[in-house]
Protein backbone atom coordinates (compact mmCIF):
# COMPACT_ATOMS: atom_id res chain seq x y z
CA MET A 1 -30.65 -6.46 4.34
CA TRP A 2 -31.08 -9.71 2.43
CA LEU A 3 -29.05 -8.47 -0.57
CA LEU A 4 -26.14 -7.30 1.60
CA ASP A 5 -26.40 -10.52 3.62
CA LYS A 6 -26.11 -12.57 0.42
CA PHE A 7 -23.10 -10.54 -0.72
CA LEU A 8 -21.25 -10.78 2.59
CA LYS A 9 -21.86 -14.52 2.98
CA ALA A 10 -20.15 -15.05 -0.36
CA ALA A 11 -17.41 -12.43 0.16
CA ILE A 12 -16.27 -13.08 3.75
CA THR A 13 -14.50 -16.41 4.27
CA LYS A 14 -11.54 -15.38 6.44
CA GLY A 15 -11.85 -13.70 9.81
CA HIS A 16 -15.03 -12.77 11.66
CA MET A 17 -17.33 -9.80 11.08
CA VAL A 18 -20.56 -8.89 12.86
CA VAL A 19 -23.03 -6.52 11.21
CA THR A 20 -25.78 -4.93 13.27
CA ASN A 21 -28.55 -3.53 11.12
CA TYR A 22 -30.45 -0.33 11.95
CA ASP A 23 -33.31 -2.43 13.41
CA GLY A 24 -30.99 -4.11 15.93
CA THR A 25 -30.68 -7.49 14.22
CA SER A 26 -27.16 -8.93 14.09
CA HIS A 27 -25.56 -11.02 11.34
CA ASN A 28 -22.31 -13.00 11.54
CA TYR A 29 -19.92 -13.58 8.64
CA GLY A 30 -16.80 -15.69 8.40
CA SER A 31 -15.74 -17.72 11.42
CA PRO A 32 -14.77 -16.63 14.96
CA ASP A 33 -11.09 -16.49 15.82
CA GLY A 34 -10.33 -16.84 19.49
CA ASN A 35 -7.19 -14.74 19.13
CA GLU A 36 -8.82 -11.73 17.47
CA PRO A 37 -11.95 -9.76 18.37
CA PRO A 38 -14.58 -9.69 15.62
CA LEU A 39 -14.80 -6.65 13.40
CA ARG A 40 -18.12 -5.03 14.33
CA ILE A 41 -19.98 -2.58 12.13
CA ARG A 42 -23.33 -0.89 12.63
CA LEU A 43 -25.74 0.33 9.96
CA THR A 44 -27.60 3.34 11.32
CA HIS A 45 -29.98 4.06 8.44
CA LYS A 46 -32.68 1.86 6.96
CA LYS A 47 -31.35 2.46 3.42
CA ALA A 48 -27.72 1.69 4.28
CA ALA A 49 -27.69 -2.05 3.58
CA ASN A 50 -29.26 -1.76 0.13
CA HIS A 51 -27.10 1.25 -0.78
CA ILE A 52 -23.93 -0.71 0.05
CA ALA A 53 -25.02 -3.93 -1.64
CA ARG A 54 -25.94 -2.36 -4.99
CA TYR A 55 -22.32 -1.34 -5.71
CA PRO A 56 -20.04 -1.84 -2.68
CA GLN A 57 -17.18 0.40 -3.88
CA VAL A 58 -19.49 3.42 -4.09
CA GLY A 59 -22.18 2.53 -1.58
CA ALA A 60 -19.85 1.71 1.30
CA GLY A 61 -17.92 4.94 0.82
CA GLU A 62 -21.03 7.09 0.75
CA ALA A 63 -22.62 5.23 3.67
CA PHE A 64 -19.51 5.88 5.74
CA MET A 65 -19.36 9.55 4.65
CA TRP A 66 -23.01 10.09 5.57
CA GLY A 67 -22.75 8.37 8.94
CA TRP A 68 -24.92 5.44 7.84
CA LEU A 69 -22.06 3.01 8.54
CA GLU A 70 -20.09 3.00 11.80
CA VAL A 71 -17.15 0.81 12.78
CA ASP A 72 -16.89 -0.03 16.48
CA GLU A 73 -13.60 0.29 18.35
CA PRO A 74 -10.96 -1.05 18.54
CA HIS A 75 -11.31 -1.14 14.73
CA ASP A 76 -11.86 1.67 12.25
CA ILE A 77 -12.79 2.15 8.59
CA ARG A 78 -9.27 1.22 7.45
CA ASP A 79 -9.58 -2.11 9.24
CA LEU A 80 -12.92 -2.73 7.56
CA ILE A 81 -11.66 -1.92 4.07
CA LEU A 82 -8.52 -4.04 4.43
CA PHE A 83 -10.57 -6.89 5.94
CA VAL A 84 -13.09 -6.97 3.09
CA THR A 85 -10.53 -6.54 0.31
CA ARG A 86 -8.23 -9.18 1.79
CA ASN A 87 -11.14 -11.56 1.49
CA ALA A 88 -12.03 -10.33 -2.01
CA LYS A 89 -8.43 -10.79 -3.20
CA ARG A 90 -9.01 -14.51 -3.79
CA ASN A 91 -11.40 -13.71 -6.70
CA ASP A 92 -9.55 -10.61 -7.97
CA GLY A 93 -12.02 -8.33 -6.22
CA ALA A 94 -14.93 -9.43 -8.43
CA ALA A 95 -17.36 -9.19 -5.53
CA LEU A 96 -16.68 -5.47 -5.19
CA LYS A 97 -17.08 -4.59 -8.87
CA PRO A 98 -20.26 -3.58 -10.76
CA ARG A 99 -22.64 -6.52 -11.15
CA GLY A 100 -23.47 -7.78 -14.61
CA PRO A 101 -22.06 -7.02 -18.07
CA LEU A 102 -24.43 -4.11 -18.75
CA ARG A 103 -23.62 -2.27 -15.55
CA SER A 104 -19.91 -2.92 -15.99
CA ALA A 105 -20.01 -1.68 -19.60
CA ALA A 106 -21.93 1.42 -18.54
CA GLN A 107 -19.36 2.21 -15.85
CA LYS A 108 -16.50 1.83 -18.34
CA LEU A 109 -18.23 4.14 -20.82
CA VAL A 110 -18.89 6.83 -18.22
CA ALA A 111 -15.33 6.55 -16.90
CA LYS A 112 -13.95 6.89 -20.43
CA THR A 113 -16.04 10.01 -21.00
CA ASP A 114 -14.88 11.48 -17.68
CA SER A 115 -11.25 11.06 -18.74
CA ILE A 116 -11.61 13.56 -21.60
CA ASN A 117 -9.71 16.49 -20.09
CA LEU A 118 -9.79 19.52 -22.32
CA ARG A 119 -7.94 22.56 -20.99
CA THR A 120 -10.82 24.12 -19.05
CA LYS A 121 -11.91 20.83 -17.54
CA ALA A 122 -8.31 19.85 -16.73
CA ARG A 123 -7.83 23.04 -14.75
CA ARG A 124 -11.15 22.59 -12.97
CA ASN A 125 -10.24 19.01 -12.06
CA ALA A 126 -6.82 20.06 -10.78
CA GLU A 127 -8.36 22.76 -8.61
CA HIS A 128 -10.88 20.26 -7.23
CA THR A 129 -8.06 17.95 -6.16
CA TYR A 130 -5.21 20.28 -5.22
CA ASN A 131 -6.71 23.66 -4.35
CA LEU A 132 -7.98 22.53 -0.97
CA THR A 133 -6.81 24.40 2.11
CA ARG A 134 -3.01 24.41 2.35
CA ARG A 135 -3.28 23.38 5.95
CA LEU A 136 -4.97 20.09 5.02
CA TYR A 137 -1.94 18.85 3.10
CA GLU A 138 0.41 20.08 5.79
CA LEU A 139 -1.46 17.90 8.28
CA PHE A 140 -0.81 14.57 6.56
CA LEU A 141 1.97 14.90 3.94
CA ASP A 142 5.69 14.90 4.67
CA GLU A 143 7.63 18.11 5.27
CA ASP A 144 8.30 18.54 1.54
CA ARG A 145 4.62 17.96 0.63
CA GLN A 146 5.25 15.06 -1.70
CA TYR A 147 1.78 13.87 -2.75
CA THR A 148 3.11 10.75 -4.50
CA MET A 149 4.55 7.41 -3.46
CA ALA A 150 7.48 7.34 -1.04
CA TYR A 151 10.33 4.91 -1.71
CA TYR A 152 11.03 2.52 1.19
CA ARG A 153 14.51 1.13 0.58
CA GLU A 154 14.63 -0.21 4.12
CA ASP A 155 12.14 -1.50 6.69
CA PRO A 156 8.97 0.57 6.07
CA TRP A 157 8.00 0.38 9.74
CA ALA A 158 11.38 1.78 10.80
CA THR A 159 11.71 4.44 8.05
CA SER A 160 10.14 7.86 8.41
CA LEU A 161 7.92 9.20 5.64
CA GLU A 162 10.34 12.11 5.27
CA LYS A 163 13.29 9.76 4.71
CA ALA A 164 11.34 7.62 2.24
CA GLN A 165 10.28 10.68 0.24
CA LEU A 166 13.84 11.94 0.14
CA ASP A 167 14.98 8.54 -1.15
CA LYS A 168 12.24 8.67 -3.81
CA LYS A 169 13.58 11.97 -5.13
CA ALA A 170 17.13 10.59 -5.25
CA HIS A 171 15.94 7.51 -7.14
CA LEU A 172 14.07 9.60 -9.72
CA ALA A 173 16.82 12.17 -10.18
CA ALA A 174 19.39 9.43 -10.75
CA LYS A 175 17.33 8.01 -13.61
CA MET A 176 17.31 11.41 -15.33
CA TYR A 177 21.11 11.33 -15.83
CA ILE A 178 21.40 15.08 -15.27
CA LYS A 179 24.43 17.11 -16.38
CA PRO A 180 25.49 20.65 -15.35
CA GLY A 181 23.88 23.56 -17.15
CA GLN A 182 20.86 21.65 -18.38
CA ARG A 183 17.30 22.95 -18.61
CA ILE A 184 14.71 20.80 -16.89
CA LEU A 185 10.91 20.83 -17.18
CA ASP A 186 8.90 19.41 -14.26
CA ILE A 187 5.33 18.80 -15.47
CA GLY A 188 2.74 18.70 -12.72
CA CYS A 189 5.22 20.10 -10.21
CA GLY A 190 2.90 19.88 -7.20
CA TRP A 191 4.18 21.95 -4.29
CA GLY A 192 7.60 22.30 -5.88
CA GLY A 193 9.59 19.80 -3.84
CA PHE A 194 11.17 17.84 -6.68
CA ALA A 195 12.04 20.94 -8.73
CA LEU A 196 13.71 22.52 -5.70
CA TYR A 197 15.51 19.24 -4.95
CA LEU A 198 16.99 19.17 -8.47
CA ALA A 199 18.12 22.79 -8.19
CA ARG A 200 19.74 22.08 -4.81
CA HIS A 201 21.74 19.11 -6.06
CA TYR A 202 22.59 20.17 -9.61
CA ASP A 203 23.74 23.26 -11.48
CA VAL A 204 20.58 23.41 -13.60
CA GLU A 205 17.60 25.61 -14.42
CA VAL A 206 14.20 24.15 -13.63
CA THR A 207 10.74 25.15 -14.83
CA GLY A 208 7.77 23.70 -12.98
CA VAL A 209 4.20 23.89 -14.29
CA ALA A 210 0.88 22.95 -12.70
CA LEU A 211 -2.79 23.92 -12.91
CA ALA A 212 -3.75 24.58 -9.28
CA PRO A 213 -3.27 28.30 -8.41
CA ASP A 214 -2.51 27.73 -4.73
CA GLN A 215 0.11 25.11 -5.54
CA ILE A 216 1.97 27.49 -7.85
CA ALA A 217 1.70 30.34 -5.35
CA PHE A 218 3.21 28.09 -2.70
CA CYS A 219 5.97 26.93 -5.08
CA LYS A 220 6.98 30.53 -5.77
CA GLU A 221 7.05 31.33 -2.07
CA ARG A 222 9.33 28.35 -1.46
CA ALA A 223 11.70 29.33 -4.28
CA GLU A 224 11.98 32.87 -2.90
CA GLN A 225 12.60 31.62 0.64
CA ALA A 226 15.29 29.23 -0.62
CA GLY A 227 16.94 32.01 -2.64
CA VAL A 228 16.71 30.07 -5.92
CA ALA A 229 13.93 31.96 -7.70
CA SER A 230 16.39 32.84 -10.47
CA LYS A 231 17.10 29.15 -11.11
CA VAL A 232 13.70 27.60 -10.40
CA ARG A 233 10.68 29.12 -12.11
CA PHE A 234 7.08 28.04 -11.52
CA GLU A 235 4.19 28.80 -13.85
CA LEU A 236 0.42 28.33 -13.63
CA MET A 237 0.19 26.63 -16.99
CA ASP A 238 -1.15 23.61 -18.83
CA TYR A 239 1.80 21.52 -19.99
CA ARG A 240 0.26 21.64 -23.47
CA ASP A 241 1.00 25.37 -23.57
CA VAL A 242 4.70 25.06 -22.68
CA ARG A 243 7.08 26.13 -25.44
CA GLY A 244 10.85 25.87 -25.88
CA GLN A 245 13.28 22.98 -25.56
CA PHE A 246 14.48 21.13 -22.49
CA ASP A 247 17.27 18.65 -21.83
CA ARG A 248 15.31 16.69 -19.24
CA ILE A 249 11.60 16.30 -18.47
CA SER A 250 10.06 14.86 -15.32
CA SER A 251 6.43 14.08 -14.65
CA VAL A 252 5.69 12.75 -11.19
CA GLY A 253 2.07 11.87 -10.50
CA LEU A 254 0.88 13.58 -13.68
CA LEU A 255 -0.20 10.84 -16.08
CA GLU A 256 -3.01 9.78 -13.73
CA HIS A 257 -4.67 13.12 -14.55
CA VAL A 258 -3.99 13.28 -18.29
CA GLY A 259 -6.70 10.83 -19.34
CA THR A 260 -6.25 8.07 -21.93
CA PRO A 261 -7.79 10.10 -24.80
CA HIS A 262 -4.95 12.61 -24.31
CA TYR A 263 -1.98 10.22 -24.20
CA PRO A 264 -1.19 10.85 -27.88
CA GLN A 265 -1.14 14.59 -27.21
CA PHE A 266 1.04 14.13 -24.13
CA TYR A 267 3.68 12.06 -25.92
CA GLU A 268 3.62 14.17 -29.06
CA HIS A 269 4.03 17.46 -27.19
CA THR A 270 6.71 16.24 -24.75
CA ALA A 271 8.67 14.81 -27.71
CA ARG A 272 8.55 18.27 -29.25
CA LEU A 273 9.79 19.85 -26.00
CA LEU A 274 12.67 17.43 -25.36
CA ALA A 275 16.10 17.90 -26.94
CA PRO A 276 17.24 15.12 -29.34
CA ASP A 277 19.62 13.69 -26.73
CA GLY A 278 17.25 14.30 -23.82
CA VAL A 279 15.75 12.02 -21.17
CA MET A 280 12.21 11.96 -19.76
CA ILE A 281 11.26 10.17 -16.56
CA SER A 282 7.65 9.47 -15.65
CA HIS A 283 6.47 8.28 -12.27
CA CYS A 284 2.79 7.38 -12.00
CA CYS A 285 0.36 5.00 -10.36
CA GLY A 286 -0.27 2.00 -12.58
CA ARG A 287 -2.10 -1.26 -13.11
CA ALA A 288 -0.04 -4.44 -13.01
CA GLY A 289 -2.62 -6.05 -15.29
CA PRO A 290 -4.59 -4.97 -18.35
CA PRO A 291 -6.34 -1.60 -18.83
CA GLY A 292 -9.36 -0.93 -16.63
CA PHE A 293 -11.43 2.02 -15.48
CA THR A 294 -11.61 4.34 -12.48
CA ASP A 295 -14.32 3.48 -9.97
CA LYS A 296 -17.25 5.85 -9.65
CA TRP A 297 -16.59 6.90 -6.05
CA THR A 298 -13.03 8.06 -6.78
CA ARG A 299 -14.09 9.92 -9.93
CA LYS A 300 -16.91 11.65 -8.10
CA TYR A 301 -15.25 12.67 -4.85
CA ILE A 302 -11.44 12.63 -5.19
CA PHE A 303 -9.93 12.63 -8.69
CA PRO A 304 -12.44 13.72 -11.34
CA GLY A 305 -11.09 12.91 -14.78
CA GLY A 306 -8.42 10.66 -13.30
CA TYR A 307 -7.33 7.25 -14.58
CA ILE A 308 -4.54 4.89 -13.55
CA PRO A 309 -2.88 3.39 -16.67
CA ALA A 310 -1.67 -0.06 -17.52
CA LEU A 311 1.91 -0.28 -18.78
CA SER A 312 0.64 -1.44 -22.18
CA GLU A 313 -1.24 1.84 -22.63
CA LEU A 314 1.85 3.93 -21.91
CA VAL A 315 4.23 1.95 -24.11
CA THR A 316 1.81 1.59 -27.03
CA GLN A 317 1.08 5.31 -27.19
CA SER A 318 4.64 6.54 -26.57
CA GLU A 319 6.20 4.47 -29.33
CA LYS A 320 3.93 6.14 -31.89
CA TYR A 321 5.70 9.48 -31.32
CA GLY A 322 9.33 8.44 -31.51
CA TRP A 323 9.89 7.55 -27.86
CA GLN A 324 12.08 4.62 -26.88
CA VAL A 325 11.53 3.03 -23.47
CA MET A 326 14.90 2.38 -21.85
CA ASP A 327 13.93 1.44 -18.31
CA VAL A 328 10.77 0.30 -16.52
CA GLU A 329 10.49 -0.31 -12.80
CA ALA A 330 7.36 -1.59 -11.08
CA MET A 331 7.31 -0.18 -7.56
CA ARG A 332 5.34 -2.72 -5.53
CA PHE A 333 3.82 -2.05 -2.10
CA HIS A 334 5.68 1.24 -1.52
CA TYR A 335 2.50 3.25 -1.96
CA SER A 336 0.56 1.09 0.52
CA HIS A 337 3.06 2.05 3.24
CA THR A 338 2.92 5.69 2.16
CA LEU A 339 -0.88 5.75 2.29
CA GLU A 340 -0.90 4.03 5.67
CA GLU A 341 1.25 6.83 7.08
CA TRP A 342 -0.94 9.49 5.45
CA TYR A 343 -3.98 7.82 7.02
CA ASN A 344 -2.38 7.76 10.47
CA ARG A 345 -1.42 11.42 10.23
CA THR A 346 -4.95 12.30 9.13
CA VAL A 347 -6.44 10.47 12.13
CA LEU A 348 -3.97 12.32 14.36
CA HIS A 349 -5.50 15.62 13.19
CA ARG A 350 -9.14 14.58 13.12
CA GLN A 351 -10.55 17.57 14.98
CA GLU A 352 -8.59 20.18 13.05
CA ILE A 353 -9.69 18.71 9.72
CA ILE A 354 -13.31 18.68 10.88
CA ASP A 355 -12.91 22.32 11.92
CA LEU A 356 -11.44 23.17 8.50
CA TYR A 357 -14.22 21.37 6.61
CA ASP A 358 -16.73 19.12 8.40
CA GLU A 359 -17.23 15.55 9.61
CA ARG A 360 -18.39 14.40 6.19
CA PHE A 361 -15.18 15.61 4.52
CA TYR A 362 -13.05 13.97 7.20
CA ARG A 363 -14.82 10.65 6.69
CA MET A 364 -14.48 10.99 2.92
CA TRP A 365 -10.74 11.56 3.26
CA LEU A 366 -10.29 8.54 5.53
CA PHE A 367 -12.20 6.31 3.11
CA TYR A 368 -10.15 7.61 0.18
CA LEU A 369 -6.79 6.96 1.86
CA ALA A 370 -7.75 3.53 3.18
CA GLY A 371 -9.33 2.54 -0.13
CA ALA A 372 -6.25 3.62 -2.03
CA GLU A 373 -4.01 1.72 0.38
CA GLN A 374 -5.88 -1.53 -0.16
CA SER A 375 -5.50 -1.16 -3.95
CA PHE A 376 -1.72 -1.17 -3.56
CA ARG A 377 -1.67 -3.73 -0.72
CA HIS A 378 -4.26 -6.29 -1.87
CA GLY A 379 -5.14 -5.16 -5.40
CA ASN A 380 -3.15 -4.95 -8.63
CA MET A 381 -1.95 -1.36 -8.34
CA VAL A 382 1.75 -0.48 -8.53
CA ASN A 383 3.77 2.59 -9.40
CA TRP A 384 5.46 2.73 -12.79
CA GLN A 385 8.73 4.54 -13.24
CA VAL A 386 9.39 4.70 -16.97
CA GLN A 387 12.48 6.23 -18.58
CA TYR A 388 12.07 7.50 -22.14
CA VAL A 389 14.64 8.72 -24.68
CA LYS A 390 14.59 9.72 -28.33
CA ASP A 391 18.17 8.52 -28.91
CA ARG A 392 19.57 5.43 -27.18
CA GLU A 393 22.98 7.12 -26.82
CA ALA A 394 21.44 9.59 -24.34
CA ILE A 395 22.21 7.32 -21.39
CA PRO A 396 25.04 4.93 -20.41
CA MET A 397 24.96 1.37 -21.71
CA THR A 398 24.55 -0.23 -18.28
CA ARG A 399 22.28 0.65 -15.39
CA GLU A 400 24.97 1.07 -12.73
CA TYR A 401 24.85 4.85 -13.10
CA VAL A 402 21.39 4.87 -11.50
CA GLU A 403 22.51 3.14 -8.32
CA ALA A 404 25.75 5.15 -8.14
CA GLU A 405 24.04 8.52 -8.52
CA SER A 406 21.21 7.62 -6.19
CA ALA A 407 23.76 6.63 -3.52
CA ARG A 408 25.66 9.89 -4.07
CA LEU A 409 22.51 11.95 -3.63
CA ARG A 410 21.47 10.07 -0.49
CA ALA A 411 24.95 10.54 0.99
CA ALA A 412 24.76 14.28 0.25
CA ASP A 413 21.58 14.49 2.34
CA GLU A 414 22.77 12.23 5.13
CA GLY A 415 22.14 13.95 8.42
CA ASN A 416 19.74 16.41 6.77
CA VAL A 417 16.58 14.33 6.68
CA PRO A 418 13.80 16.67 7.84
CA ARG A 419 11.57 15.88 10.80
CA TRP A 420 7.84 16.38 10.44
CA HIS A 421 7.19 19.51 12.46
CA LEU A 422 3.79 18.15 13.57
CA ASP A 423 5.27 14.94 14.97
CA PRO A 424 3.79 14.45 18.48
CA ALA A 425 7.20 13.26 19.69
CA LEU A 426 8.71 16.64 18.85
CA ARG A 427 5.92 18.42 20.67
CA GLU A 428 6.41 16.25 23.76
CA ALA A 429 10.17 16.89 23.69
CA ALA A 430 9.59 20.65 23.46
CA GLU A 431 7.25 20.57 26.43
């Protein structure tokens, strides 16, 4: 316990936390606040304290997954993660990172190796992340199953996740400057929501590609049900195998899975696919600072092969293949609100998720969502929306067209914002 005690004494300066070790001894950190109850955690295994202290980002997650770490009510694991990272924010999270230059260098090297995503590995990684039971995603995502940041134009505590996701699609579509009759490629199409949105609002043909078989099966079912299968085609395919030419390309939540060694291939191949006067929009998680590396826990349990890029990495690589960056928007804090809602919906369906998988999986999912939220709330993570062209005449000279088209799309959907069919309020009304 002495190593964890040393770490927490240095890390916790705001608020009050009480840690009870497996042997019953209690340790206080920070200072009591008469207005707030202390955050109380219990370590239930004799190895828990040392496992957490060696590398907090991995050890704490595994200790919680294994039941070695418990958080007493009225708090939960999200409260603990936000509490610790809010304290760590003052030193840029250094207390939570690998200790020493050798360990840090080793982690960076392993992370770099993990980001090499050849075709077979890329498909395996996609299946690991997205081929989980359909029901799981239905339990915490919005009605359209958007597994990327929602866009909160208004008060995030008064805006439904469904409305914020609809606004995100309008914002992205507006930046694509779409014209009737165009061919659009949606790389990493997920569960098909954005491709179907484009087909609903524009007279265009859309091709969506992804690597998870169940995602593509679900996309095809949705296209058939919507009666647009002739206009929206989905293929189980690596984007590197796509052929032909497209007027517009979108990639939403894709670049996080490409891996830095493959950025040259991504930009070279998409440049080959895009028409000379085309537009490509990319939406991805990003670092507001310099390049870094993906932590071990996330690589191991959630996104194998994944990496969140710095803007410098995207711009440097894209310009080598003829791309011109016309617009960059840093979306700050939107994802923290999105992840908070995903977390709340996951907690709401605790028992069903345990029945689908087990308690360990449920705990892993909670830790993942809360950990990701803190990165966007207290860390340096943002979302990048980057607009690329090959010819500067492809878009209007001023940016007003983005706001005008986004407003037009939102107005077209006014009154048609979906309600989450699992919303407890709807169930109570029905009863």
